[in-house]
Amino acid sequence: MANNDRLKTTAEALMDIGLFTSNVSQIVAITRSEGGVNTGEETARVVLLGIGMLLQVVLMIIFIYQGVMAGKINVILPAGALPPPPPKRGLDFAVNVLVLLVCLLNVTIHILEHEA
């Protein structure tokens, strides 16, 4: 089960990195176009992409923090030692909200991209 969770986490991290690089390439494409960022829709897309990328960086930091904390719990304990308490899952709600915001931002960006 732990190996399956590790593979799932690795796949999620790769998806996050793929989405991040896709957003970077969209910003580069917009800013290097002939007229640059000269319309309101292009400005909105660049701002939304920037916000989405910021949220993705925050999510990556949270995931790294959770991974480090989970690694500290899975240590071999000496005989007779009490195991540490389970990790607090307070960040889970924040992670779910941030993931939802990133998804909604990317849907909005996609809609703006195809309206033009």
Protein backbone atom coordinates (compact mmCIF):
# COMPACT_ATOMS: atom_id res chain seq x y z
CA MET A 1 0.00 0.00 0.00
CA ALA A 2 2.81 2.42 0.87
CA ASN A 3 4.51 1.77 -2.48
CA ASN A 4 1.23 2.53 -4.29
CA ASP A 5 0.89 5.80 -2.35
CA ARG A 6 4.47 6.75 -3.23
CA LEU A 7 3.83 6.11 -6.94
CA LYS A 8 0.60 8.10 -6.77
CA THR A 9 2.40 11.01 -5.09
CA THR A 10 5.17 10.91 -7.70
CA ALA A 11 2.62 10.94 -10.53
CA GLU A 12 0.82 13.90 -8.95
CA ALA A 13 4.10 15.80 -8.63
CA LEU A 14 4.91 15.18 -12.29
CA MET A 15 1.44 16.41 -13.28
CA ASP A 16 1.98 19.57 -11.21
CA ILE A 17 5.32 20.21 -12.89
CA GLY A 18 3.78 19.57 -16.31
CA LEU A 19 0.97 22.05 -15.65
CA PHE A 20 3.48 24.61 -14.36
CA THR A 21 5.68 24.34 -17.45
CA SER A 22 2.60 24.55 -19.67
CA ASN A 23 1.64 27.81 -17.97
CA VAL A 24 5.17 29.15 -18.43
CA SER A 25 5.05 28.35 -22.14
CA GLN A 26 1.68 30.11 -22.44
CA ILE A 27 3.08 33.25 -20.83
CA VAL A 28 6.10 33.15 -23.14
CA ALA A 29 3.85 32.71 -26.17
CA ILE A 30 1.66 35.66 -25.16
CA THR A 31 4.51 38.01 -24.36
CA ARG A 32 6.52 37.12 -27.48
CA SER A 33 3.63 37.55 -29.87
CA GLU A 34 3.76 40.31 -32.48
CA GLY A 35 1.89 42.94 -30.49
CA GLY A 36 2.91 41.70 -27.06
CA VAL A 37 0.32 42.02 -24.33
CA ASN A 38 -1.81 44.71 -25.88
CA THR A 39 -5.43 43.69 -25.24
CA GLY A 40 -7.43 43.31 -22.08
CA GLU A 41 -7.93 39.59 -22.69
CA GLU A 42 -4.19 38.98 -23.05
CA THR A 43 -3.52 40.98 -19.89
CA ALA A 44 -6.18 38.98 -18.04
CA ARG A 45 -4.65 35.71 -19.28
CA VAL A 46 -1.16 36.74 -18.14
CA VAL A 47 -2.46 37.82 -14.71
CA LEU A 48 -4.49 34.62 -14.27
CA LEU A 49 -1.53 32.50 -15.38
CA GLY A 50 0.69 34.29 -12.86
CA ILE A 51 -1.81 33.76 -10.04
CA GLY A 52 -2.18 30.10 -11.00
CA MET A 53 1.58 29.62 -11.05
CA LEU A 54 1.91 31.25 -7.63
CA LEU A 55 -0.74 28.90 -6.23
CA GLN A 56 1.07 25.94 -7.81
CA VAL A 57 4.34 26.94 -6.13
CA VAL A 58 2.54 27.20 -2.78
CA LEU A 59 1.05 23.74 -3.35
CA MET A 60 4.46 22.28 -4.20
CA ILE A 61 5.91 23.74 -0.99
CA ILE A 62 3.04 22.28 1.05
CA PHE A 63 3.48 18.86 -0.58
CA ILE A 64 7.22 18.91 0.13
CA TYR A 65 6.54 19.89 3.74
CA GLN A 66 4.00 17.09 4.15
CA GLY A 67 6.42 14.61 2.61
CA VAL A 68 9.19 15.64 5.00
CA MET A 69 6.86 15.40 7.98
CA ALA A 70 5.64 11.95 6.88
CA GLY A 71 9.26 10.81 6.55
CA LYS A 72 10.01 11.86 10.12
CA ILE A 73 7.19 9.67 11.42
CA ASN A 74 8.32 6.49 9.66
CA VAL A 75 11.53 6.09 11.65
CA ILE A 76 12.52 2.91 13.47
CA LEU A 77 11.82 3.31 17.16
CA PRO A 78 13.89 1.77 19.92
CA ALA A 79 12.31 -0.99 21.97
CA GLY A 80 9.74 0.33 24.42
CA ALA A 81 9.52 3.79 22.87
CA LEU A 82 6.14 5.28 22.17
CA PRO A 83 5.38 6.14 18.55
CA PRO A 84 4.92 9.82 17.76
CA PRO A 85 1.38 11.07 17.32
CA PRO A 86 -0.04 10.91 13.80
CA PRO A 87 0.49 14.02 11.68
CA LYS A 88 -2.14 16.70 11.80
CA ARG A 89 -4.14 16.91 8.63
CA GLY A 90 -4.96 20.60 8.93
CA LEU A 91 -3.24 21.41 5.65
CA ASP A 92 -5.42 18.97 3.72
CA PHE A 93 -8.34 21.40 3.52
CA ALA A 94 -6.04 24.21 2.36
CA VAL A 95 -4.51 21.92 -0.26
CA ASN A 96 -7.95 20.95 -1.57
CA VAL A 97 -9.01 24.60 -1.82
CA LEU A 98 -5.79 25.58 -3.61
CA VAL A 99 -6.12 22.69 -6.06
CA LEU A 100 -9.70 23.74 -6.79
CA LEU A 101 -8.58 27.34 -7.37
CA VAL A 102 -5.80 26.24 -9.73
CA CYS A 103 -8.28 24.12 -11.70
CA LEU A 104 -10.81 26.96 -11.94
CA LEU A 105 -8.10 29.41 -13.02
CA ASN A 106 -6.93 27.05 -15.75
CA VAL A 107 -10.48 26.55 -17.00
CA THR A 108 -10.95 30.34 -17.09
CA ILE A 109 -7.65 30.76 -18.95
CA HIS A 110 -8.70 28.10 -21.44
CA ILE A 111 -12.00 29.87 -22.05
CA LEU A 112 -10.25 33.22 -22.56
CA GLU A 113 -7.76 31.61 -24.91
CA HIS A 114 -10.41 30.12 -27.15
CA GLU A 115 -12.65 33.19 -27.20
CA ALA A 116 -9.95 35.20 -28.94
